[in-house]
Structure formats: structure tokens, C-alpha cells
């Protein structure tokens, strides 16, 4: 490639206004046909490389976003499953204490709190509740704060006394 065609390619990569574009056209007009063909071939290569680099960057960014979204969906799925298990355990304990063993809400809450305290598990879930709904909510919080198996074990131990 001749010096003039190299200069044209360099000029193309640094055009920022109309005057620079006008100067470029003057340079192009001064080139011969074989030089113009060389410049056009180089421009095609440059364009292909530029689009290739841009498309790779876009693909990489999209892949990273997809991976982040998949991780978040997995975390959300795990959290939802955990909440479902906690809710199910709280419902089981509520049914066991209130329906099967016929304890009243305040008595069931008090006895369960005492049993957990005996096992070295303090209730950080707040007030036990005086209604079935608040009792179940309290149990859910307990199951979230400590292993669900411990809460279930303490509830089962209440029934054998």
C-alpha cells in the first residue's frame, strides 16, 4: 500500500467535523484507481473488525447479564422454597398443638417458649401471639431464626408430657 492510501485510512479514523471530511475528499480525489481499491479493501477489513469487536463486546455483556439473572432466579427460587418449607412447618406445628392436642394459643405459645428455653434456644421472634394467625406467624419467625427441626422437636416434646 502506498503512503497516500495509508494516510487516507488514518484520516478516516479521525474525522470529527465537516472540514476534516472535506480534506479527506481532497485526499481521495488525488489517489489513483489501484490506490482507491486498496483503500476500499482496507476500509472493509476495518469495518469488519470494528463490527466484530463491537458484537463480541455486546455478546459478552449480554452473557454476563444472563448469568447474573440466572443466579438471581436461582437464589429467589431457593428463598421461595425455604419460605414454603418454613410456612409448612409452622402450619404443621399449629395444627399439632391447637387441633390435635387441643391446646389454646397462649398456653401453646408459653409451653413452646419454655421448652425451647430449656433446650438453650431463646425465642428472638418477639411476642408469641394471642390469635391463631399471630401464633402461626410467630412460629414461622421461629423456624426462620433457628432450625425448623428444633422447633418441631420442641413442639413434639410438649405433647408427650
N, C-alpha and C. Protein backbone atom coordinates (compact mmCIF):
# COMPACT_ATOMS: atom_id res chain seq x y z
N UNK A 1 0.85 -1.16 0.00
CA UNK A 1 0.00 0.00 0.00
C UNK A 1 0.90 1.23 0.00
N UNK A 2 0.48 2.22 -0.78
CA UNK A 2 1.28 3.44 -0.89
C UNK A 2 0.99 4.38 0.27
N UNK A 3 1.88 5.32 0.45
CA UNK A 3 1.79 6.24 1.58
C UNK A 3 0.48 7.03 1.57
N UNK A 4 0.03 7.45 0.41
CA UNK A 4 -1.19 8.25 0.32
C UNK A 4 -2.40 7.45 0.79
N UNK A 5 -2.48 6.17 0.44
CA UNK A 5 -3.64 5.37 0.85
C UNK A 5 -3.62 5.10 2.35
N UNK A 6 -2.43 4.95 2.93
CA UNK A 6 -2.32 4.79 4.38
C UNK A 6 -2.79 6.05 5.08
N UNK A 7 -2.41 7.18 4.53
CA UNK A 7 -2.84 8.45 5.13
C UNK A 7 -4.35 8.60 5.07
N UNK A 8 -4.98 8.14 3.99
CA UNK A 8 -6.43 8.24 3.85
C UNK A 8 -7.11 7.40 4.94
N UNK A 9 -6.60 6.19 5.16
CA UNK A 9 -7.19 5.33 6.20
C UNK A 9 -7.03 5.98 7.57
N UNK A 10 -5.87 6.52 7.84
CA UNK A 10 -5.65 7.20 9.12
C UNK A 10 -6.57 8.41 9.26
N UNK A 11 -6.75 9.14 8.17
CA UNK A 11 -7.65 10.29 8.21
C UNK A 11 -9.08 9.85 8.51
N UNK A 12 -9.52 8.73 7.89
CA UNK A 12 -10.88 8.24 8.11
C UNK A 12 -11.15 7.94 9.58
N UNK A 13 -10.15 7.46 10.27
CA UNK A 13 -10.37 7.09 11.66
C UNK A 13 -10.37 8.30 12.60
N UNK A 14 -10.07 9.48 12.06
CA UNK A 14 -10.00 10.65 12.94
C UNK A 14 -10.84 11.82 12.44
N UNK A 15 -11.91 11.55 11.71
CA UNK A 15 -12.77 12.62 11.20
C UNK A 15 -13.80 12.99 12.26
N UNK A 16 -13.83 14.28 12.60
CA UNK A 16 -14.76 14.74 13.64
C UNK A 16 -15.65 15.90 13.18
N UNK A 17 -15.34 16.52 12.01
CA UNK A 17 -16.17 17.64 11.57
C UNK A 17 -16.17 17.73 10.04
N UNK A 18 -16.92 18.69 9.49
CA UNK A 18 -17.06 18.82 8.03
C UNK A 18 -15.76 19.21 7.34
N UNK A 19 -14.97 20.05 7.96
CA UNK A 19 -13.72 20.46 7.35
C UNK A 19 -12.78 19.27 7.19
N UNK A 20 -12.71 18.44 8.21
CA UNK A 20 -11.87 17.25 8.11
C UNK A 20 -12.39 16.31 7.02
N UNK A 21 -13.70 16.22 6.88
CA UNK A 21 -14.29 15.38 5.84
C UNK A 21 -13.97 15.95 4.46
N UNK A 22 -14.04 17.25 4.31
CA UNK A 22 -13.71 17.91 3.06
C UNK A 22 -12.24 17.66 2.69
N UNK A 23 -11.37 17.76 3.67
CA UNK A 23 -9.94 17.49 3.43
C UNK A 23 -9.74 16.04 3.00
N UNK A 24 -10.49 15.13 3.60
CA UNK A 24 -10.38 13.73 3.24
C UNK A 24 -10.79 13.52 1.78
N UNK A 25 -11.89 14.15 1.35
CA UNK A 25 -12.32 14.02 -0.05
C UNK A 25 -11.25 14.51 -1.01
N UNK A 26 -10.57 15.59 -0.66
CA UNK A 26 -9.47 16.10 -1.50
C UNK A 26 -8.37 15.05 -1.60
N UNK A 27 -8.03 14.42 -0.48
CA UNK A 27 -7.00 13.38 -0.48
C UNK A 27 -7.42 12.19 -1.34
N UNK A 28 -8.69 11.81 -1.25
CA UNK A 28 -9.18 10.67 -2.02
C UNK A 28 -9.14 10.96 -3.51
N UNK A 29 -9.50 12.17 -3.89
CA UNK A 29 -9.50 12.55 -5.32
C UNK A 29 -8.09 12.51 -5.91
N UNK A 30 -7.10 12.68 -5.05
CA UNK A 30 -5.73 12.69 -5.55
C UNK A 30 -5.16 11.28 -5.74
N UNK A 31 -5.88 10.27 -5.29
CA UNK A 31 -5.40 8.89 -5.39
C UNK A 31 -5.69 8.31 -6.77
N UNK A 32 -4.89 7.32 -7.15
CA UNK A 32 -5.12 6.61 -8.40
C UNK A 32 -6.08 5.45 -8.13
N UNK A 33 -6.55 4.79 -9.19
CA UNK A 33 -7.56 3.75 -9.09
C UNK A 33 -7.07 2.57 -8.23
N UNK A 34 -5.85 2.12 -8.45
CA UNK A 34 -5.36 0.98 -7.67
C UNK A 34 -5.21 1.34 -6.19
N UNK A 35 -4.86 2.59 -5.91
CA UNK A 35 -4.77 3.04 -4.53
C UNK A 35 -6.16 3.11 -3.88
N UNK A 36 -7.14 3.55 -4.66
CA UNK A 36 -8.52 3.60 -4.16
C UNK A 36 -9.03 2.20 -3.84
N UNK A 37 -8.72 1.23 -4.70
CA UNK A 37 -9.14 -0.15 -4.43
C UNK A 37 -8.49 -0.68 -3.16
N UNK A 38 -7.26 -0.34 -2.94
CA UNK A 38 -6.55 -0.76 -1.73
C UNK A 38 -7.20 -0.11 -0.50
N UNK A 39 -7.50 1.19 -0.62
CA UNK A 39 -8.14 1.89 0.50
C UNK A 39 -9.50 1.26 0.80
N UNK A 40 -10.28 0.97 -0.24
CA UNK A 40 -11.59 0.35 -0.04
C UNK A 40 -11.46 -1.03 0.60
N UNK A 41 -10.51 -1.80 0.20
CA UNK A 41 -10.31 -3.13 0.80
C UNK A 41 -9.94 -2.99 2.27
N UNK A 42 -9.05 -2.05 2.57
CA UNK A 42 -8.66 -1.83 3.96
C UNK A 42 -9.84 -1.34 4.80
N UNK A 43 -10.65 -0.48 4.21
CA UNK A 43 -11.83 0.02 4.93
C UNK A 43 -12.80 -1.12 5.22
N UNK A 44 -12.96 -2.04 4.29
CA UNK A 44 -13.83 -3.20 4.52
C UNK A 44 -13.29 -4.05 5.67
N UNK A 45 -11.97 -4.26 5.68
CA UNK A 45 -11.35 -5.01 6.78
C UNK A 45 -11.57 -4.30 8.11
N UNK A 46 -11.35 -2.98 8.08
CA UNK A 46 -11.51 -2.17 9.30
C UNK A 46 -12.95 -2.25 9.80
N UNK A 47 -13.90 -2.14 8.87
CA UNK A 47 -15.32 -2.21 9.22
C UNK A 47 -15.66 -3.58 9.81
N UNK A 48 -15.17 -4.64 9.19
CA UNK A 48 -15.45 -5.99 9.68
C UNK A 48 -14.87 -6.19 11.08
N UNK A 49 -13.64 -5.73 11.28
CA UNK A 49 -13.02 -5.85 12.60
C UNK A 49 -13.78 -5.04 13.64
N UNK A 50 -14.16 -3.82 13.28
CA UNK A 50 -14.88 -2.95 14.21
C UNK A 50 -16.21 -3.57 14.61
N UNK A 51 -16.96 -4.05 13.62
CA UNK A 51 -18.24 -4.68 13.93
C UNK A 51 -18.05 -5.96 14.72
N UNK A 52 -16.98 -6.70 14.41
CA UNK A 52 -16.69 -7.93 15.15
C UNK A 52 -16.40 -7.63 16.61
N UNK A 53 -15.58 -6.62 16.85
CA UNK A 53 -15.23 -6.24 18.22
C UNK A 53 -16.48 -5.75 18.97
N UNK A 54 -17.27 -4.93 18.29
CA UNK A 54 -18.49 -4.41 18.93
C UNK A 54 -19.47 -5.54 19.23
N UNK A 55 -19.64 -6.46 18.30
CA UNK A 55 -20.60 -7.54 18.53
C UNK A 55 -20.09 -8.48 19.63
N UNK A 56 -18.78 -8.71 19.70
CA UNK A 56 -18.23 -9.52 20.80
C UNK A 56 -18.47 -8.86 22.14
N UNK A 57 -18.27 -7.55 22.20
CA UNK A 57 -18.50 -6.81 23.45
C UNK A 57 -19.96 -6.89 23.86
N UNK A 58 -20.85 -6.76 22.90
CA UNK A 58 -22.29 -6.84 23.19
C UNK A 58 -22.65 -8.26 23.64
N UNK A 59 -22.13 -9.26 22.96
CA UNK A 59 -22.41 -10.66 23.35
C UNK A 59 -21.89 -10.95 24.75
N UNK A 60 -20.70 -10.46 25.05
CA UNK A 60 -20.13 -10.67 26.39
C UNK A 60 -20.99 -10.01 27.45
N UNK A 61 -21.40 -8.77 27.20
CA UNK A 61 -22.24 -8.06 28.16
C UNK A 61 -23.58 -8.77 28.35
N UNK A 62 -24.17 -9.23 27.27
CA UNK A 62 -25.44 -9.95 27.36
C UNK A 62 -25.28 -11.27 28.10
N UNK A 63 -24.19 -11.96 27.88
CA UNK A 63 -23.95 -13.22 28.57
C UNK A 63 -23.77 -12.99 30.07
N UNK A 64 -23.05 -11.93 30.43
CA UNK A 64 -22.88 -11.61 31.84
C UNK A 64 -24.22 -11.27 32.49
N UNK A 65 -25.04 -10.51 31.79
CA UNK A 65 -26.38 -10.18 32.31
C UNK A 65 -27.22 -11.45 32.47
N UNK A 66 -27.13 -12.35 31.49
CA UNK A 66 -27.90 -13.59 31.55
C UNK A 66 -27.46 -14.43 32.75
N UNK A 67 -26.15 -14.51 32.97
CA UNK A 67 -25.63 -15.27 34.11
C UNK A 67 -26.08 -14.66 35.42
N UNK A 68 -26.02 -13.33 35.52
CA UNK A 68 -26.48 -12.65 36.73
C UNK A 68 -27.96 -12.92 36.97
N UNK A 69 -28.75 -12.86 35.91
CA UNK A 69 -30.19 -13.10 36.02
C UNK A 69 -30.47 -14.55 36.44
N UNK A 70 -29.73 -15.50 35.88
CA UNK A 70 -29.91 -16.89 36.27
C UNK A 70 -29.56 -17.11 37.74
N UNK A 71 -28.48 -16.49 38.20
CA UNK A 71 -28.08 -16.60 39.61
C UNK A 71 -29.16 -16.02 40.51
N UNK A 72 -29.68 -14.87 40.13
CA UNK A 72 -30.73 -14.24 40.94
C UNK A 72 -32.00 -15.09 40.96
N UNK A 73 -32.35 -15.64 39.81
CA UNK A 73 -33.53 -16.51 39.76
C UNK A 73 -33.34 -17.74 40.63
N UNK A 74 -32.14 -18.30 40.62
CA UNK A 74 -31.86 -19.47 41.45
C UNK A 74 -31.95 -19.10 42.93
N UNK A 75 -31.37 -17.95 43.29
CA UNK A 75 -31.44 -17.50 44.69
C UNK A 75 -32.89 -17.26 45.10
N UNK A 76 -33.66 -16.64 44.23
CA UNK A 76 -35.08 -16.39 44.53
C UNK A 76 -35.84 -17.71 44.67
N UNK A 77 -35.52 -18.68 43.81
CA UNK A 77 -36.19 -19.98 43.88
C UNK A 77 -35.85 -20.67 45.20
N UNK A 78 -34.58 -20.61 45.60
CA UNK A 78 -34.17 -21.22 46.87
C UNK A 78 -34.84 -20.53 48.04
N UNK A 79 -34.89 -19.21 48.01
CA UNK A 79 -35.54 -18.45 49.09
C UNK A 79 -37.03 -18.76 49.16
N UNK A 80 -37.67 -18.85 48.01
CA UNK A 80 -39.10 -19.18 47.98
C UNK A 80 -39.35 -20.59 48.53
N UNK A 81 -38.49 -21.53 48.17
CA UNK A 81 -38.62 -22.90 48.67
C UNK A 81 -38.43 -22.92 50.19
N UNK A 82 -37.46 -22.16 50.68
CA UNK A 82 -37.22 -22.10 52.12
C UNK A 82 -38.43 -21.52 52.85
N UNK A 83 -38.99 -20.44 52.30
CA UNK A 83 -40.18 -19.84 52.92
C UNK A 83 -41.36 -20.80 52.89
N UNK A 84 -41.48 -21.55 51.81
CA UNK A 84 -42.56 -22.54 51.71
C UNK A 84 -42.39 -23.62 52.78
N UNK A 85 -41.16 -24.08 52.96
CA UNK A 85 -40.90 -25.10 53.99
C UNK A 85 -41.17 -24.55 55.39
N UNK A 86 -40.74 -23.32 55.63
CA UNK A 86 -40.98 -22.69 56.94
C UNK A 86 -42.47 -22.56 57.21
N UNK A 87 -43.19 -22.11 56.20
CA UNK A 87 -44.64 -21.95 56.34
C UNK A 87 -45.31 -23.30 56.60
N UNK A 88 -44.86 -24.31 55.88
CA UNK A 88 -45.43 -25.65 56.08
C UNK A 88 -45.17 -26.19 57.47
N UNK A 89 -43.95 -25.97 57.96
CA UNK A 89 -43.62 -26.43 59.32
C UNK A 89 -44.46 -25.68 60.35
N UNK A 90 -44.59 -24.37 60.17
CA UNK A 90 -45.40 -23.58 61.11
C UNK A 90 -46.85 -24.06 61.10
N UNK A 91 -47.37 -24.37 59.93
CA UNK A 91 -48.74 -24.87 59.83
C UNK A 91 -48.88 -26.24 60.51
N UNK A 92 -47.88 -27.10 60.32
CA UNK A 92 -47.91 -28.42 60.96
C UNK A 92 -47.90 -28.30 62.48
N UNK A 93 -47.02 -27.44 62.99
CA UNK A 93 -46.93 -27.27 64.45
C UNK A 93 -48.23 -26.66 64.99
N UNK A 94 -48.77 -25.69 64.27
CA UNK A 94 -50.03 -25.09 64.69
C UNK A 94 -51.13 -26.14 64.75
N UNK A 95 -51.23 -26.93 63.71
CA UNK A 95 -52.25 -27.98 63.68
C UNK A 95 -52.03 -28.98 64.83
N UNK A 96 -50.79 -29.38 65.02
CA UNK A 96 -50.46 -30.35 66.06
C UNK A 96 -50.85 -29.84 67.44
N UNK A 97 -50.44 -28.62 67.76
CA UNK A 97 -50.67 -28.10 69.11
C UNK A 97 -52.12 -27.66 69.35
N UNK A 98 -52.70 -26.98 68.38
CA UNK A 98 -54.03 -26.40 68.59
C UNK A 98 -55.16 -27.38 68.27
N UNK A 99 -55.02 -28.16 67.25
CA UNK A 99 -56.12 -29.03 66.84
C UNK A 99 -55.99 -30.44 67.41
N UNK A 100 -54.83 -31.02 67.25
CA UNK A 100 -54.67 -32.41 67.67
C UNK A 100 -54.57 -32.55 69.19
N UNK A 101 -53.79 -31.64 69.81
CA UNK A 101 -53.62 -31.73 71.26
C UNK A 101 -54.48 -30.73 72.03
N UNK A 102 -55.31 -29.98 71.31
CA UNK A 102 -56.33 -29.10 71.89
C UNK A 102 -55.78 -28.07 72.88
N UNK A 103 -54.57 -27.59 72.63
CA UNK A 103 -54.04 -26.51 73.48
C UNK A 103 -54.60 -25.18 72.98
N UNK A 104 -54.74 -24.25 73.86
CA UNK A 104 -55.15 -22.89 73.48
C UNK A 104 -53.89 -22.14 73.05
N UNK A 105 -54.06 -21.11 72.23
CA UNK A 105 -52.93 -20.38 71.66
C UNK A 105 -51.98 -19.86 72.74
N UNK A 106 -52.45 -19.13 73.75
CA UNK A 106 -51.50 -18.62 74.74
C UNK A 106 -50.74 -19.73 75.46
N UNK A 107 -51.44 -20.82 75.81
CA UNK A 107 -50.79 -21.94 76.52
C UNK A 107 -49.77 -22.63 75.61
N UNK A 108 -50.13 -22.84 74.36
CA UNK A 108 -49.22 -23.49 73.41
C UNK A 108 -47.96 -22.63 73.21
N UNK A 109 -48.16 -21.33 73.08
CA UNK A 109 -47.03 -20.43 72.89
C UNK A 109 -46.11 -20.41 74.10
N UNK A 110 -46.73 -20.34 75.27
CA UNK A 110 -45.94 -20.30 76.51
C UNK A 110 -45.16 -21.60 76.68
N UNK A 111 -45.82 -22.72 76.51
CA UNK A 111 -45.15 -24.01 76.69
C UNK A 111 -44.03 -24.22 75.67
N UNK A 112 -44.29 -23.82 74.44
CA UNK A 112 -43.26 -23.97 73.41
C UNK A 112 -42.07 -23.07 73.71
N UNK A 113 -42.33 -21.85 74.15
CA UNK A 113 -41.23 -20.94 74.52
C UNK A 113 -40.41 -21.53 75.66
N UNK A 114 -41.08 -22.07 76.64
CA UNK A 114 -40.38 -22.67 77.78
C UNK A 114 -39.56 -23.88 77.35
N UNK A 115 -40.13 -24.71 76.49
CA UNK A 115 -39.40 -25.89 76.01
C UNK A 115 -38.16 -25.48 75.20
N UNK A 116 -38.31 -24.48 74.38
CA UNK A 116 -37.15 -24.00 73.61
C UNK A 116 -36.09 -23.42 74.54
N UNK A 117 -36.52 -22.72 75.58
CA UNK A 117 -35.58 -22.15 76.55
C UNK A 117 -34.84 -23.27 77.28
N UNK A 118 -35.55 -24.35 77.62
CA UNK A 118 -34.89 -25.49 78.27
C UNK A 118 -33.83 -26.11 77.37
N UNK A 119 -34.06 -26.05 76.09
CA UNK A 119 -33.12 -26.62 75.11
C UNK A 119 -32.01 -25.64 74.75
N UNK A 120 -32.03 -24.48 75.39
CA UNK A 120 -30.99 -23.49 75.12
C UNK A 120 -31.25 -22.65 73.89
N UNK A 121 -32.46 -22.67 73.41
CA UNK A 121 -32.86 -21.88 72.24
C UNK A 121 -33.78 -20.77 72.71
N UNK A 122 -33.28 -19.55 72.68
CA UNK A 122 -34.13 -18.44 73.11
C UNK A 122 -34.94 -17.94 71.93
N UNK A 123 -36.12 -17.51 72.21
CA UNK A 123 -37.02 -17.01 71.17
C UNK A 123 -36.70 -15.54 70.90
N UNK A 124 -36.18 -15.29 69.72
CA UNK A 124 -35.90 -13.91 69.31
C UNK A 124 -37.00 -13.40 68.38
N UNK A 125 -38.04 -14.18 68.25
CA UNK A 125 -39.10 -13.85 67.29
C UNK A 125 -40.11 -12.86 67.83
N UNK A 126 -39.95 -12.42 69.05
CA UNK A 126 -40.89 -11.44 69.59
C UNK A 126 -42.05 -12.09 70.30
N UNK A 127 -43.17 -11.40 70.31
CA UNK A 127 -44.36 -11.82 71.04
C UNK A 127 -44.96 -13.07 70.40
N UNK A 128 -45.39 -14.02 71.24
CA UNK A 128 -45.91 -15.29 70.75
C UNK A 128 -47.26 -15.15 70.05
N UNK A 129 -48.02 -14.19 70.37
CA UNK A 129 -49.31 -14.00 69.74
C UNK A 129 -50.44 -14.59 70.55
N UNK A 130 -51.62 -14.02 70.38
CA UNK A 130 -52.78 -14.49 71.13
C UNK A 130 -53.86 -15.03 70.21
N UNK A 131 -53.65 -14.92 68.90
CA UNK A 131 -54.59 -15.50 67.94
C UNK A 131 -53.87 -16.57 67.14
N UNK A 132 -54.65 -17.39 66.46
CA UNK A 132 -54.06 -18.46 65.67
C UNK A 132 -53.15 -17.90 64.58
N UNK A 133 -53.59 -16.83 63.92
CA UNK A 133 -52.78 -16.22 62.85
C UNK A 133 -51.46 -15.66 63.39
N UNK A 134 -51.53 -14.94 64.52
CA UNK A 134 -50.29 -14.38 65.07
C UNK A 134 -49.40 -15.48 65.63
N UNK A 135 -50.00 -16.55 66.15
CA UNK A 135 -49.23 -17.69 66.65
C UNK A 135 -48.48 -18.36 65.48
N UNK A 136 -49.17 -18.54 64.36
CA UNK A 136 -48.55 -19.16 63.18
C UNK A 136 -47.43 -18.26 62.64
N UNK A 137 -47.67 -16.96 62.65
CA UNK A 137 -46.63 -16.02 62.20
C UNK A 137 -45.42 -16.10 63.13
N UNK A 138 -45.66 -16.18 64.42
CA UNK A 138 -44.58 -16.31 65.39
C UNK A 138 -43.80 -17.59 65.16
N UNK A 139 -44.52 -18.70 64.91
CA UNK A 139 -43.86 -19.97 64.62
C UNK A 139 -43.01 -19.89 63.34
N UNK A 140 -43.54 -19.20 62.34
CA UNK A 140 -42.77 -19.03 61.10
C UNK A 140 -41.47 -18.29 61.37
N UNK A 141 -41.55 -17.25 62.18
CA UNK A 141 -40.35 -16.49 62.54
C UNK A 141 -39.38 -17.36 63.33
N UNK A 142 -39.90 -18.18 64.24
CA UNK A 142 -39.04 -19.11 64.98
C UNK A 142 -38.32 -20.06 64.03
N UNK A 143 -39.07 -20.61 63.09
CA UNK A 143 -38.49 -21.57 62.14
C UNK A 143 -37.46 -20.90 61.22
N UNK A 144 -37.59 -19.61 61.03
CA UNK A 144 -36.62 -18.87 60.23
C UNK A 144 -35.36 -18.56 61.04
N UNK A 145 -35.55 -18.28 62.34
CA UNK A 145 -34.43 -17.90 63.20
C UNK A 145 -33.59 -19.09 63.66
N UNK A 146 -34.19 -20.26 63.75
CA UNK A 146 -33.46 -21.45 64.21
C UNK A 146 -33.86 -22.62 63.33
N UNK A 147 -33.15 -23.72 63.42
CA UNK A 147 -33.51 -24.87 62.58
C UNK A 147 -34.96 -25.32 62.82
N UNK A 148 -35.67 -25.53 61.71
CA UNK A 148 -37.07 -25.94 61.79
C UNK A 148 -37.22 -27.24 62.58
N UNK A 149 -36.24 -28.11 62.46
CA UNK A 149 -36.30 -29.40 63.15
C UNK A 149 -36.31 -29.21 64.67
N UNK A 150 -35.57 -28.20 65.16
CA UNK A 150 -35.54 -27.93 66.60
C UNK A 150 -36.91 -27.48 67.11
N UNK A 151 -37.55 -26.61 66.32
CA UNK A 151 -38.87 -26.12 66.73
C UNK A 151 -39.88 -27.26 66.71
N UNK A 152 -39.82 -28.08 65.65
CA UNK A 152 -40.74 -29.21 65.55
C UNK A 152 -40.48 -30.21 66.68
N UNK A 153 -39.24 -30.47 66.99
CA UNK A 153 -38.89 -31.39 68.08
C UNK A 153 -39.41 -30.88 69.42
N UNK A 154 -39.25 -29.58 69.65
CA UNK A 154 -39.75 -28.99 70.90
C UNK A 154 -41.27 -29.11 70.98
N UNK A 155 -41.94 -28.88 69.84
CA UNK A 155 -43.41 -28.99 69.82
C UNK A 155 -43.84 -30.43 70.07
N UNK A 156 -43.15 -31.37 69.50
CA UNK A 156 -43.49 -32.78 69.71
C UNK A 156 -43.22 -33.20 71.15
N UNK A 157 -42.19 -32.63 71.76
CA UNK A 157 -41.86 -32.93 73.15
C UNK A 157 -42.96 -32.41 74.09
N UNK A 158 -43.64 -31.33 73.70
CA UNK A 158 -44.73 -30.80 74.52
C UNK A 158 -45.87 -31.81 74.63
N UNK A 159 -46.11 -32.51 73.58
CA UNK A 159 -47.26 -33.41 73.53
C UNK A 159 -47.05 -34.68 74.31
N UNK A 160 -45.79 -35.00 74.60
CA UNK A 160 -45.52 -36.25 75.31
C UNK A 160 -45.47 -36.06 76.81
N UNK A 161 -45.64 -34.83 77.28
CA UNK A 161 -45.57 -34.57 78.73
C UNK A 161 -46.86 -34.93 79.40
